[in-house]
């Protein structure tokens, strides 16, 4: 989280944390996502200590992030390819009219 902005308190896995972020709404959404992930992992393996649950949650969240980044890169590459094709098509149209 960024260190700018107003401090807000969020609850994650039963503990309160004062966080600062650029956007209060975004900070709350991020904290809620982390809390949800920790609870989901804890429900699956309740016998594990909180640190293990937190690390597994961090790994799952990071995996989600990496998947989204790859999806974004693929999308951008696709859009760039489409733009090149459109430019080529427009160039052909302009040359055929000359």
N, C-alpha and C. Protein backbone atom coordinates (compact mmCIF):
# COMPACT_ATOMS: atom_id res chain seq x y z
N UNK A 1 0.84 -1.17 0.00
CA UNK A 1 0.00 0.00 0.00
C UNK A 1 0.88 1.24 0.00
N UNK A 2 0.43 2.25 -0.66
CA UNK A 2 1.17 3.50 -0.70
C UNK A 2 1.12 4.18 0.66
N UNK A 3 2.06 5.03 0.93
CA UNK A 3 2.10 5.70 2.23
C UNK A 3 1.43 7.06 2.20
N UNK A 4 0.93 7.47 1.05
CA UNK A 4 0.23 8.75 0.95
C UNK A 4 -1.21 8.56 1.37
N UNK A 5 -1.89 9.65 1.64
CA UNK A 5 -3.31 9.58 1.90
C UNK A 5 -3.64 9.42 3.36
N UNK A 6 -4.93 9.34 3.60
CA UNK A 6 -5.48 9.24 4.94
C UNK A 6 -5.38 7.82 5.47
N UNK A 7 -5.09 7.69 6.75
CA UNK A 7 -5.01 6.37 7.37
C UNK A 7 -6.42 5.86 7.65
N UNK A 8 -6.65 4.61 7.28
CA UNK A 8 -7.94 3.98 7.60
C UNK A 8 -7.66 2.65 8.27
N UNK A 9 -8.60 2.23 9.10
CA UNK A 9 -8.44 0.94 9.77
C UNK A 9 -9.21 -0.11 9.00
N UNK A 10 -8.54 -1.24 8.79
CA UNK A 10 -9.19 -2.37 8.13
C UNK A 10 -8.99 -3.60 9.00
N UNK A 11 -9.89 -4.55 8.85
CA UNK A 11 -9.80 -5.78 9.62
C UNK A 11 -9.46 -6.92 8.67
N UNK A 12 -8.38 -7.62 8.99
CA UNK A 12 -7.96 -8.76 8.19
C UNK A 12 -7.72 -9.93 9.13
N UNK A 13 -8.48 -10.98 8.91
CA UNK A 13 -8.37 -12.21 9.71
C UNK A 13 -8.44 -11.92 11.21
N UNK A 14 -9.37 -11.04 11.57
CA UNK A 14 -9.64 -10.75 12.98
C UNK A 14 -8.76 -9.69 13.61
N UNK A 15 -7.79 -9.19 12.89
CA UNK A 15 -6.90 -8.14 13.44
C UNK A 15 -7.10 -6.85 12.67
N UNK A 16 -7.02 -5.73 13.41
CA UNK A 16 -7.14 -4.42 12.77
C UNK A 16 -5.78 -3.89 12.39
N UNK A 17 -5.74 -3.25 11.21
CA UNK A 17 -4.51 -2.67 10.70
C UNK A 17 -4.79 -1.25 10.22
N UNK A 18 -3.97 -0.29 10.63
CA UNK A 18 -4.10 1.05 10.05
C UNK A 18 -3.32 1.08 8.73
N UNK A 19 -3.99 1.41 7.65
CA UNK A 19 -3.35 1.44 6.34
C UNK A 19 -3.52 2.81 5.71
N UNK A 20 -2.57 3.16 4.87
CA UNK A 20 -2.65 4.39 4.09
C UNK A 20 -2.62 4.00 2.62
N UNK A 21 -3.38 4.71 1.85
CA UNK A 21 -3.38 4.45 0.42
C UNK A 21 -3.83 5.67 -0.34
N UNK A 22 -3.65 5.63 -1.64
CA UNK A 22 -4.06 6.76 -2.48
C UNK A 22 -5.57 6.92 -2.50
N UNK A 23 -6.27 5.80 -2.36
CA UNK A 23 -7.73 5.81 -2.41
C UNK A 23 -8.26 4.97 -1.25
N UNK A 24 -9.10 5.58 -0.44
CA UNK A 24 -9.69 4.85 0.68
C UNK A 24 -10.50 3.66 0.19
N UNK A 25 -11.26 3.88 -0.87
CA UNK A 25 -12.08 2.81 -1.43
C UNK A 25 -11.22 1.64 -1.92
N UNK A 26 -10.16 1.95 -2.64
CA UNK A 26 -9.26 0.91 -3.13
C UNK A 26 -8.59 0.17 -1.98
N UNK A 27 -8.15 0.90 -0.97
CA UNK A 27 -7.51 0.28 0.19
C UNK A 27 -8.47 -0.68 0.87
N UNK A 28 -9.71 -0.30 1.01
CA UNK A 28 -10.72 -1.18 1.62
C UNK A 28 -10.96 -2.41 0.76
N UNK A 29 -11.01 -2.23 -0.55
CA UNK A 29 -11.23 -3.36 -1.45
C UNK A 29 -10.07 -4.35 -1.39
N UNK A 30 -8.85 -3.81 -1.36
CA UNK A 30 -7.66 -4.66 -1.28
C UNK A 30 -7.66 -5.44 0.03
N UNK A 31 -7.93 -4.75 1.12
CA UNK A 31 -7.96 -5.40 2.44
C UNK A 31 -9.04 -6.47 2.48
N UNK A 32 -10.18 -6.18 1.90
CA UNK A 32 -11.28 -7.14 1.87
C UNK A 32 -10.89 -8.38 1.06
N UNK A 33 -10.21 -8.17 -0.06
CA UNK A 33 -9.76 -9.29 -0.89
C UNK A 33 -8.78 -10.17 -0.13
N UNK A 34 -7.83 -9.54 0.56
CA UNK A 34 -6.85 -10.28 1.35
C UNK A 34 -7.56 -11.05 2.46
N UNK A 35 -8.47 -10.40 3.16
CA UNK A 35 -9.21 -11.05 4.24
C UNK A 35 -10.00 -12.25 3.71
N UNK A 36 -10.66 -12.07 2.58
CA UNK A 36 -11.44 -13.15 1.97
C UNK A 36 -10.54 -14.33 1.60
N UNK A 37 -9.38 -14.03 1.02
CA UNK A 37 -8.46 -15.09 0.62
C UNK A 37 -7.96 -15.84 1.85
N UNK A 38 -7.59 -15.13 2.89
CA UNK A 38 -7.11 -15.78 4.11
C UNK A 38 -8.19 -16.68 4.71
N UNK A 39 -9.41 -16.17 4.77
CA UNK A 39 -10.51 -16.99 5.30
C UNK A 39 -10.76 -18.22 4.44
N UNK A 40 -10.68 -18.07 3.13
CA UNK A 40 -10.88 -19.20 2.22
C UNK A 40 -9.82 -20.28 2.45
N UNK A 41 -8.57 -19.86 2.55
CA UNK A 41 -7.48 -20.82 2.79
C UNK A 41 -7.64 -21.46 4.17
N UNK A 42 -7.98 -20.65 5.15
CA UNK A 42 -8.14 -21.17 6.51
C UNK A 42 -9.27 -22.21 6.58
N UNK A 43 -10.35 -21.97 5.84
CA UNK A 43 -11.45 -22.94 5.82
C UNK A 43 -11.00 -24.27 5.22
N UNK A 44 -10.11 -24.22 4.24
CA UNK A 44 -9.64 -25.44 3.58
C UNK A 44 -8.66 -26.22 4.46
N UNK A 45 -7.84 -25.50 5.21
CA UNK A 45 -6.82 -26.16 6.06
C UNK A 45 -6.80 -25.51 7.45
N UNK A 46 -7.85 -25.71 8.23
CA UNK A 46 -7.96 -25.02 9.52
C UNK A 46 -6.89 -25.44 10.54
N UNK A 47 -6.25 -26.57 10.31
CA UNK A 47 -5.24 -27.04 11.27
C UNK A 47 -3.91 -26.31 11.13
N UNK A 48 -3.74 -25.55 10.04
CA UNK A 48 -2.48 -24.85 9.80
C UNK A 48 -2.38 -23.57 10.63
N UNK A 49 -1.16 -23.22 11.06
CA UNK A 49 -0.98 -21.99 11.84
C UNK A 49 -1.27 -20.76 10.97
N UNK A 50 -1.61 -19.64 11.60
CA UNK A 50 -1.94 -18.42 10.85
C UNK A 50 -0.85 -17.97 9.88
N UNK A 51 0.41 -18.13 10.24
CA UNK A 51 1.48 -17.71 9.33
C UNK A 51 1.46 -18.53 8.04
N UNK A 52 1.25 -19.83 8.17
CA UNK A 52 1.16 -20.69 6.98
C UNK A 52 -0.02 -20.27 6.11
N UNK A 53 -1.15 -19.99 6.75
CA UNK A 53 -2.35 -19.55 6.02
C UNK A 53 -2.06 -18.23 5.31
N UNK A 54 -1.37 -17.32 5.99
CA UNK A 54 -1.04 -16.02 5.39
C UNK A 54 -0.11 -16.19 4.19
N UNK A 55 0.90 -17.05 4.33
CA UNK A 55 1.85 -17.26 3.22
C UNK A 55 1.14 -17.91 2.04
N UNK A 56 0.31 -18.91 2.28
CA UNK A 56 -0.43 -19.55 1.19
C UNK A 56 -1.39 -18.56 0.53
N UNK A 57 -1.98 -17.70 1.32
CA UNK A 57 -2.86 -16.66 0.77
C UNK A 57 -2.08 -15.69 -0.10
N UNK A 58 -0.90 -15.29 0.38
CA UNK A 58 -0.05 -14.40 -0.40
C UNK A 58 0.35 -15.05 -1.72
N UNK A 59 0.65 -16.33 -1.69
CA UNK A 59 1.00 -17.05 -2.92
C UNK A 59 -0.18 -17.10 -3.88
N UNK A 60 -1.38 -17.36 -3.37
CA UNK A 60 -2.57 -17.40 -4.22
C UNK A 60 -2.86 -16.03 -4.82
N UNK A 61 -2.73 -14.98 -4.02
CA UNK A 61 -2.97 -13.62 -4.51
C UNK A 61 -1.94 -13.26 -5.57
N UNK A 62 -0.70 -13.64 -5.34
CA UNK A 62 0.36 -13.36 -6.32
C UNK A 62 0.13 -14.13 -7.60
N UNK A 63 -0.32 -15.37 -7.48
CA UNK A 63 -0.65 -16.15 -8.69
C UNK A 63 -1.76 -15.45 -9.48
N UNK A 64 -2.80 -14.96 -8.78
CA UNK A 64 -3.87 -14.21 -9.44
C UNK A 64 -3.30 -12.99 -10.17
N UNK A 65 -2.40 -12.28 -9.51
CA UNK A 65 -1.79 -11.10 -10.11
C UNK A 65 -1.01 -11.47 -11.36
N UNK A 66 -0.20 -12.52 -11.29
CA UNK A 66 0.60 -12.93 -12.45
C UNK A 66 -0.30 -13.35 -13.60
N UNK A 67 -1.38 -14.05 -13.31
CA UNK A 67 -2.32 -14.46 -14.36
C UNK A 67 -2.95 -13.23 -15.03
N UNK A 68 -3.32 -12.26 -14.22
CA UNK A 68 -3.92 -11.03 -14.76
C UNK A 68 -2.91 -10.26 -15.61
N UNK A 69 -1.67 -10.20 -15.15
CA UNK A 69 -0.64 -9.51 -15.93
C UNK A 69 -0.43 -10.19 -17.27
N UNK A 70 -0.38 -11.51 -17.27
CA UNK A 70 -0.20 -12.25 -18.52
C UNK A 70 -1.40 -12.05 -19.44
N UNK A 71 -2.59 -12.07 -18.87
CA UNK A 71 -3.79 -11.82 -19.66
C UNK A 71 -3.75 -10.42 -20.27
N UNK A 72 -3.31 -9.46 -19.48
CA UNK A 72 -3.20 -8.07 -19.96
C UNK A 72 -2.18 -7.98 -21.09
N UNK A 73 -1.02 -8.63 -20.92
CA UNK A 73 0.00 -8.62 -21.97
C UNK A 73 -0.53 -9.24 -23.26
N UNK A 74 -1.25 -10.35 -23.12
CA UNK A 74 -1.81 -11.01 -24.30
C UNK A 74 -2.85 -10.12 -24.98
N UNK A 75 -3.65 -9.46 -24.19
CA UNK A 75 -4.67 -8.56 -24.73
C UNK A 75 -4.02 -7.40 -25.48
N UNK A 76 -3.00 -6.80 -24.86
CA UNK A 76 -2.29 -5.68 -25.50
C UNK A 76 -1.64 -6.14 -26.81
N UNK A 77 -1.02 -7.31 -26.80
CA UNK A 77 -0.40 -7.84 -28.03
C UNK A 77 -1.44 -8.04 -29.11
N UNK A 78 -2.61 -8.56 -28.73
CA UNK A 78 -3.70 -8.76 -29.69
C UNK A 78 -4.17 -7.43 -30.27
N UNK A 79 -4.35 -6.45 -29.42
CA UNK A 79 -4.81 -5.13 -29.87
C UNK A 79 -3.77 -4.50 -30.80
N UNK A 80 -2.49 -4.62 -30.44
CA UNK A 80 -1.43 -4.07 -31.29
C UNK A 80 -1.44 -4.73 -32.66
N UNK A 81 -1.65 -6.05 -32.68
CA UNK A 81 -1.71 -6.78 -33.95
C UNK A 81 -2.91 -6.30 -34.78
N UNK A 82 -4.03 -6.09 -34.14
CA UNK A 82 -5.22 -5.60 -34.84
C UNK A 82 -4.98 -4.21 -35.42
N UNK A 83 -4.30 -3.36 -34.68
CA UNK A 83 -4.00 -2.01 -35.15
C UNK A 83 -3.09 -2.06 -36.38
N UNK A 84 -2.08 -2.92 -36.34
CA UNK A 84 -1.18 -3.07 -37.49
C UNK A 84 -1.97 -3.53 -38.71
N UNK A 85 -2.86 -4.49 -38.52
CA UNK A 85 -3.66 -4.99 -39.64
C UNK A 85 -4.57 -3.90 -40.19
N UNK A 86 -5.18 -3.11 -39.31
CA UNK A 86 -6.04 -2.02 -39.77
C UNK A 86 -5.23 -0.96 -40.53
N UNK A 87 -4.05 -0.63 -40.00
CA UNK A 87 -3.19 0.34 -40.69
C UNK A 87 -2.79 -0.16 -42.06
N UNK A 88 -2.43 -1.43 -42.15
CA UNK A 88 -2.07 -2.01 -43.44
C UNK A 88 -3.24 -1.95 -44.41
N UNK A 89 -4.41 -2.27 -43.92
CA UNK A 89 -5.61 -2.23 -44.76
C UNK A 89 -5.88 -0.80 -45.23
N UNK A 90 -5.77 0.15 -44.34
CA UNK A 90 -6.00 1.55 -44.71
C UNK A 90 -4.95 2.01 -45.73
N UNK A 91 -3.69 1.61 -45.52
CA UNK A 91 -2.64 1.96 -46.48
C UNK A 91 -2.96 1.40 -47.86
N UNK A 92 -3.44 0.16 -47.91
CA UNK A 92 -3.80 -0.46 -49.20
C UNK A 92 -4.94 0.31 -49.85
N UNK A 93 -5.92 0.68 -49.06
CA UNK A 93 -7.06 1.43 -49.61
C UNK A 93 -6.62 2.78 -50.16
N UNK A 94 -5.74 3.46 -49.43
CA UNK A 94 -5.26 4.76 -49.90
C UNK A 94 -4.41 4.62 -51.16
N UNK A 95 -3.59 3.59 -51.25
CA UNK A 95 -2.75 3.39 -52.44
C UNK A 95 -3.61 3.04 -53.66
N UNK A 96 -4.67 2.30 -53.44
CA UNK A 96 -5.50 1.90 -54.58
C UNK A 96 -6.32 3.07 -55.12
N UNK A 97 -6.50 4.11 -54.33
CA UNK A 97 -7.25 5.27 -54.80
C UNK A 97 -6.38 6.28 -55.53
N UNK A 98 -5.07 6.15 -55.41
CA UNK A 98 -4.17 7.11 -56.05
C UNK A 98 -4.00 6.83 -57.50
